[in-house]
Protein backbone atom coordinates (compact mmCIF):
# COMPACT_ATOMS: atom_id res chain seq x y z
CA MET A 1 7.61 22.71 1.27
CA VAL A 2 10.40 21.08 3.23
CA ARG A 3 13.41 20.05 1.05
CA GLN A 4 13.75 16.00 0.74
CA GLN A 5 17.30 13.80 1.29
CA ILE A 6 18.20 13.46 -2.42
CA GLN A 7 18.09 9.92 -3.50
CA ILE A 8 20.58 8.13 -6.08
CA LEU A 9 17.69 6.28 -8.19
CA ASP A 10 16.25 9.90 -8.75
CA LEU A 11 19.31 10.84 -10.16
CA ILE A 12 20.49 8.06 -12.78
CA GLU A 13 18.80 4.92 -13.33
CA LYS A 14 19.81 1.86 -12.09
CA ASP A 15 20.42 0.09 -15.03
CA VAL A 16 23.38 2.60 -15.62
CA LEU A 17 24.44 1.92 -12.18
CA GLU A 18 24.58 -1.49 -12.62
CA GLU A 19 26.50 -1.48 -15.68
CA ILE A 20 29.00 0.85 -14.22
CA VAL A 21 29.62 -1.47 -10.91
CA ARG A 22 29.97 -4.42 -13.11
CA ASP A 23 32.58 -3.19 -15.59
CA PHE A 24 34.48 -2.22 -12.51
CA THR A 25 34.05 -5.27 -11.23
CA LYS A 26 35.45 -6.76 -14.38
CA ALA A 27 38.50 -4.99 -14.98
CA THR A 28 39.70 -5.21 -11.29
CA ARG A 29 38.12 -9.26 -10.21
CA VAL A 30 37.45 -7.51 -6.60
CA ALA A 31 33.95 -7.92 -5.40
CA SER A 32 31.99 -4.53 -5.75
CA VAL A 33 28.42 -3.57 -4.78
CA LEU A 34 26.55 -0.06 -4.48
CA VAL A 35 24.87 0.54 -1.14
CA ASP A 36 22.54 3.01 0.05
CA LEU A 37 23.30 5.01 3.50
CA ASN A 38 22.22 2.09 5.58
CA GLY A 39 23.76 -0.07 3.60
CA GLN A 40 21.45 -1.90 1.99
CA PRO A 41 22.52 -3.02 -1.67
CA ILE A 42 21.29 -0.86 -4.80
CA THR A 43 23.08 -2.83 -7.18
CA ARG A 44 23.66 -6.61 -7.45
CA GLU A 45 26.38 -7.78 -5.19
CA HIS A 46 29.10 -8.38 -7.91
CA ASN A 47 31.71 -10.94 -7.59
CA PHE A 48 31.01 -11.84 -4.11
CA THR A 49 33.46 -14.12 -2.64
CA ARG A 50 31.85 -17.54 -1.36
CA LEU A 51 32.60 -17.30 1.99
CA CYS A 52 30.66 -13.34 2.23
CA LYS A 53 27.70 -14.71 -0.49
CA ASP A 54 27.29 -18.25 1.49
CA PHE A 55 28.44 -17.70 5.53
CA CYS A 56 28.78 -13.94 5.95
CA ARG A 57 25.45 -13.01 4.85
CA SER A 58 23.88 -16.46 5.41
CA THR A 59 22.85 -15.77 9.13
CA PRO A 60 20.80 -12.29 9.98
CA GLN A 61 23.32 -11.61 12.47
CA GLY A 62 26.08 -12.01 9.83
CA ARG A 63 23.97 -10.13 7.15
CA ALA A 64 22.95 -7.19 10.06
CA GLN A 65 26.72 -6.84 10.43
CA CYS A 66 27.79 -6.65 6.48
CA TYR A 67 25.17 -3.77 6.20
CA ALA A 68 26.30 -2.49 9.24
CA SER A 69 30.27 -2.63 7.42
CA ASP A 70 28.76 -0.87 4.29
CA ARG A 71 27.29 1.88 6.35
CA PHE A 72 30.28 2.34 8.51
CA GLY A 73 32.49 2.25 5.93
CA GLY A 74 30.52 4.89 3.32
CA GLU A 75 30.26 6.99 6.71
CA GLU A 76 34.11 7.26 7.37
CA GLY A 77 34.50 7.80 3.89
CA LYS A 78 32.26 10.82 3.64
CA LYS A 79 33.86 12.65 6.84
CA ILE A 80 37.84 12.40 5.21
CA GLY A 81 36.46 13.14 1.84
CA LYS A 82 37.79 10.50 -0.07
CA PRO A 83 37.87 6.47 -0.20
CA PHE A 84 38.15 4.71 3.34
CA ILE A 85 40.11 1.26 3.52
CA TYR A 86 39.20 -0.60 6.60
CA LYS A 87 38.24 -4.13 7.87
CA CYS A 88 35.52 -5.53 7.71
CA LEU A 89 33.04 -6.28 11.08
CA ASN A 90 32.15 -9.56 10.03
CA ALA A 91 35.42 -12.09 8.98
CA GLY A 92 38.41 -9.41 8.93
CA LEU A 93 38.22 -8.73 5.58
CA MET A 94 39.91 -5.60 3.47
CA ASP A 95 37.58 -3.07 2.40
CA SER A 96 37.10 0.26 0.89
CA ALA A 97 33.96 2.40 0.40
CA THR A 98 33.96 5.17 -1.31
CA PRO A 99 31.13 7.85 -0.98
CA ILE A 100 28.91 9.50 -3.94
CA VAL A 101 27.85 12.73 -2.87
CA VAL A 102 25.67 15.51 -4.60
CA GLU A 103 25.92 19.13 -3.55
CA GLY A 104 26.69 18.09 0.17
CA TYR A 105 24.23 15.13 0.44
CA HIS A 106 25.86 11.69 0.85
CA VAL A 107 23.36 9.71 -1.58
CA ALA A 108 24.88 6.33 -2.07
CA THR A 109 28.39 4.22 -0.89
CA LEU A 110 30.60 2.37 -3.29
CA VAL A 111 31.96 -0.86 -1.87
CA MET A 112 34.70 -2.84 -2.93
CA GLY A 113 37.12 -5.50 -1.73
CA GLN A 114 36.41 -8.55 0.39
CA VAL A 115 40.35 -9.37 0.42
CA LEU A 116 43.19 -9.55 2.25
CA THR A 117 46.60 -8.17 2.21
CA LYS A 118 47.66 -11.17 4.80
CA PRO A 119 46.42 -14.25 5.87
CA LEU A 120 43.97 -14.50 8.93
CA SER A 121 44.99 -17.31 11.65
CA ILE A 122 42.32 -20.07 12.76
CA GLU A 123 41.88 -18.28 16.02
CA GLU A 124 40.62 -15.05 14.09
CA ALA A 125 38.53 -17.32 11.48
CA VAL A 126 36.71 -19.52 14.13
CA ASP A 127 35.82 -16.66 16.22
CA ALA A 128 34.44 -14.70 13.46
CA ALA A 129 32.55 -17.49 12.50
CA GLU A 130 30.79 -18.40 16.52
CA ARG A 131 29.80 -14.27 16.45
CA ILE A 132 27.57 -14.66 13.77
CA GLY A 133 26.39 -18.34 14.44
CA ILE A 134 28.30 -20.05 11.74
CA GLU A 135 27.14 -23.77 12.34
CA ASP A 136 29.92 -25.60 9.70
CA VAL A 137 32.94 -23.33 11.03
CA GLY A 138 35.21 -25.74 8.89
CA GLU A 139 33.75 -24.96 5.19
CA PHE A 140 33.31 -21.12 6.66
CA ILE A 141 37.37 -21.78 7.31
CA LYS A 142 37.63 -23.53 3.82
CA ALA A 143 35.92 -20.45 2.15
CA LEU A 144 38.14 -18.30 4.13
CA GLN A 145 41.19 -19.78 2.73
CA LYS A 146 40.10 -19.05 -1.41
CA VAL A 147 39.79 -15.19 -0.31
CA PRO A 148 41.71 -13.29 -2.63
CA VAL A 149 45.28 -11.94 -1.57
CA MET A 150 47.10 -8.88 -2.73
CA SER A 151 49.41 -6.23 -1.84
CA TYR A 152 48.13 -3.54 -0.20
CA GLU A 153 50.37 -1.41 -2.77
CA ARG A 154 47.68 -3.33 -5.37
CA LEU A 155 44.45 -2.76 -3.17
CA GLN A 156 45.37 0.86 -3.55
CA SER A 157 45.52 0.74 -6.85
CA VAL A 158 42.16 -1.04 -7.11
CA VAL A 159 40.97 2.10 -4.56
CA LYS A 160 42.23 5.09 -6.50
CA LEU A 161 40.39 3.45 -9.56
CA MET A 162 37.04 3.53 -7.92
CA ASN A 163 37.74 6.60 -6.09
CA THR A 164 37.74 8.13 -9.86
CA ILE A 165 34.25 5.88 -11.00
CA ALA A 166 33.10 7.72 -7.71
CA LYS A 167 33.79 10.71 -8.85
CA THR A 168 32.10 9.93 -12.34
CA ILE A 169 29.10 9.06 -10.95
CA SER A 170 29.39 11.93 -8.34
CA SER A 171 29.79 14.24 -11.96
CA LEU A 172 26.16 12.28 -13.79
CA ALA A 173 24.09 13.30 -10.66
CA MET A 174 25.18 16.71 -10.41
CA GLN A 175 24.34 17.45 -13.60
CA LYS A 176 20.76 15.79 -13.34
CA TYR A 177 20.23 17.22 -9.95
CA LEU A 178 21.41 21.15 -11.03
CA SER A 179 18.93 19.99 -14.26
CA GLN A 180 16.26 18.64 -12.12
CA LYS A 181 16.50 21.60 -9.66
CA ALA A 182 16.32 24.27 -12.98
CA TYR A 183 13.14 22.70 -14.26
CA GLN A 184 11.56 22.82 -10.63
CA LYS A 185 12.33 26.63 -10.31
CA ASN A 186 10.78 27.35 -13.55
CA LEU A 187 7.40 25.39 -12.73
CA HIS A 188 7.58 27.51 -9.16
CA ASN A 189 7.94 30.82 -10.85
CA ILE A 190 4.89 29.63 -13.68
CA ILE A 191 2.79 28.03 -10.46
CA ASN A 192 3.63 31.38 -8.55
CA SER A 193 2.18 33.62 -11.43
CA VAL A 194 -1.38 31.66 -11.73
CA SER A 195 -3.75 34.24 -10.01
CA GLU A 196 -6.20 31.02 -8.58
CA ALA A 197 -4.63 29.15 -5.41
CA ILE A 198 -2.88 25.43 -6.36
CA MET A 199 -1.86 22.84 -4.00
CA SER A 200 -1.12 19.35 -3.68
CA THR A 201 -1.60 17.14 -0.31
CA ASP A 202 -0.40 13.26 -0.21
CA THR A 203 -3.06 10.79 0.28
CA SER A 204 -4.12 10.98 3.59
CA GLY A 205 -5.11 15.32 2.60
CA ILE A 206 -1.52 17.13 4.56
CA VAL A 207 -0.60 19.99 2.76
CA THR A 208 2.84 19.72 0.75
CA LEU A 209 2.64 22.26 -1.38
CA ILE A 210 1.02 25.45 -2.40
CA ASN A 211 1.46 28.74 -4.52
CA ARG A 212 1.78 32.59 -3.40
CA ALA A 213 -1.93 32.99 -4.18
CA THR A 214 -3.37 30.08 -1.63
CA THR A 215 -1.77 32.53 0.99
CA ARG A 216 -3.23 35.37 0.08
CA MET A 217 -6.75 33.54 -0.77
CA PHE A 218 -6.74 32.35 2.81
CA ASP A 219 -4.81 34.74 4.24
CA ARG A 220 -2.69 32.69 5.93
CA ASP A 221 1.13 32.22 5.76
CA ALA A 222 2.78 29.60 4.19
CA PRO A 223 3.67 27.77 7.34
CA SER A 224 -0.11 27.74 8.64
CA ILE A 225 -0.77 25.66 5.81
CA VAL A 226 1.31 23.21 4.65
CA GLY A 227 1.98 20.48 7.10
CA GLN A 228 -1.60 20.52 8.20
CA PRO A 229 -5.04 18.70 6.81
CA ILE A 230 -6.27 20.85 4.17
CA PHE A 231 -9.61 19.89 5.75
CA ASP A 232 -9.10 22.24 8.08
CA LEU A 233 -9.33 25.14 5.51
CA PHE A 234 -12.87 24.15 4.88
CA ALA A 235 -16.30 25.66 6.91
CA ASN A 236 -17.43 21.62 6.60
CA PRO A 237 -14.63 19.54 6.95
CA ASP A 238 -16.27 16.34 6.03
CA ALA A 239 -18.17 17.83 2.48
CA TYR A 240 -14.56 18.04 1.55
CA ARG A 241 -14.21 14.29 2.54
CA VAL A 242 -17.17 12.83 0.58
CA TYR A 243 -16.03 15.23 -2.43
CA LEU A 244 -12.38 12.96 -2.10
CA SER A 245 -13.97 9.82 -1.79
CA GLY A 246 -16.37 10.46 -5.27
CA LEU A 247 -12.82 11.29 -6.21
CA ASN A 248 -11.38 8.07 -5.47
CA ARG A 249 -14.76 6.20 -6.44
CA GLN A 250 -13.84 8.13 -10.07
CA HIS A 251 -17.81 9.85 -9.59
CA ALA A 252 -16.10 13.60 -9.32
CA SER A 253 -18.81 14.46 -11.37
CA ASP A 254 -21.53 13.77 -8.62
CA ALA A 255 -19.72 15.06 -6.21
CA PRO A 256 -20.16 19.52 -5.53
CA SER A 257 -17.36 21.20 -6.17
CA VAL A 258 -18.04 24.68 -4.41
CA PHE A 259 -17.42 24.83 -0.96
CA GLU A 260 -17.39 27.84 1.64
CA VAL A 261 -13.59 27.66 3.36
CA LEU A 262 -12.87 30.13 6.34
CA LYS A 263 -10.22 32.66 7.14
CA PRO A 264 -8.47 32.69 10.49
CA ASN A 265 -11.12 36.13 11.35
CA GLY A 266 -14.09 33.75 10.60
CA GLN A 267 -14.94 34.94 7.62
CA ILE A 268 -16.40 32.77 5.34
CA PHE A 269 -15.80 33.00 1.54
CA TYR A 270 -16.66 30.39 -1.20
CA VAL A 271 -14.23 28.45 -3.76
CA GLN A 272 -14.72 26.01 -6.65
CA VAL A 273 -12.33 23.26 -6.48
CA SER A 274 -11.01 20.95 -9.48
CA CYS A 275 -9.15 18.27 -7.49
CA ARG A 276 -7.20 15.23 -9.13
CA GLU A 277 -5.34 12.11 -7.69
CA ILE A 278 -1.30 12.29 -9.03
CA PHE A 279 -0.42 8.59 -9.63
CA LEU A 280 3.75 7.97 -9.29
CA SER A 281 2.58 4.92 -11.51
CA LYS A 282 -1.11 3.90 -12.95
CA ARG A 283 -1.77 2.12 -9.89
CA GLN A 284 -0.15 3.49 -7.14
CA ALA A 285 -2.02 7.60 -6.14
CA THR A 286 0.55 9.57 -4.20
CA GLY A 287 -1.45 12.50 -3.48
CA TYR A 288 -3.46 15.26 -4.70
CA VAL A 289 -3.37 18.78 -6.89
CA ILE A 290 -6.12 21.15 -6.10
CA VAL A 291 -7.01 24.37 -7.75
CA LEU A 292 -9.53 26.55 -5.64
CA ARG A 293 -10.90 29.67 -7.34
CA ASP A 294 -12.67 32.07 -5.61
CA VAL A 295 -16.59 32.56 -6.76
CA THR A 296 -17.83 34.50 -3.70
CA GLN A 297 -18.85 37.02 -5.99
CA GLU A 298 -20.46 34.71 -8.09
CA LYS A 299 -22.17 33.17 -5.51
CA GLN A 300 -23.33 36.60 -3.89
CA VAL A 301 -24.93 37.43 -7.39
CA GLU A 302 -26.39 34.09 -7.52
CA GLN A 303 -28.16 35.01 -3.90
CA MET A 304 -29.44 37.94 -5.69
CA LYS A 305 -30.99 36.37 -8.01
CA GLU A 306 -32.49 34.13 -5.82
CA ASP A 307 -33.48 37.12 -3.69
CA LEU A 308 -35.08 38.66 -6.67
CA ILE A 309 -37.12 36.10 -7.62
CA GLY A 310 -38.71 35.48 -4.32
CA MET A 311 -39.59 39.00 -3.97
CA LEU A 312 -40.90 39.05 -7.34
């Protein structure tokens, strides 16, 4: 199965992340937010300045620049392996980005700042406002004048605290990741010890996971099955489509459960199929899990009985 990118919200609950970022902001009184790899906020935007909230992020150009700025900060921080202090791409405020890394994967970025270490000139402010489509440049400048000013030494102290918090988040995420990895390994071993073929597909019928018994049953290697439509394994693909549609209408008991399937050499054998939908929530189905049992011998015995009865 193809390994997917690790997601921070799969490892730490959003409420926990929200509390960490909120408490950091209360302690430092600087703006902060946890963003994904595209710069999109994961948590709420805490203590954002009026300049950023009401002006820089108020236009499509400005909002896109803000997300691009946060993305840039995270990428640079990942490259150097520590917090990256930089000027934002919108108004030239000082920001700092610290990547959250789990087993080499950059999963999120903790961004803080929206401060100045020295005042910006009026010319710089006007240029920044016009560049992102701000109409009321006068109010933009007034908001800029209220941006907190701190020494670079003070900024570095806050960044150091942010780095410690980011390491804590990474550690929590790593613990959960290792726990999930161990669970998945045990589950994988259990599934591979089962003699029946077990498969999973997405909602469109593309195979996403199989066990070893599946490769033995179909006499195929895993790459020739995973990522391919499950319908291609059946001698009559439409029959299996009808079966799935019966599942979706909750009339699976009325649908046939024994199908003819094919091996690469064209040999046909029979399998009994048990299929259930996989739900991410009560309303959202994400795919199917299918158990297949080879019933070729049973089918042959049944046919022999029918032939015998016919002869009699």
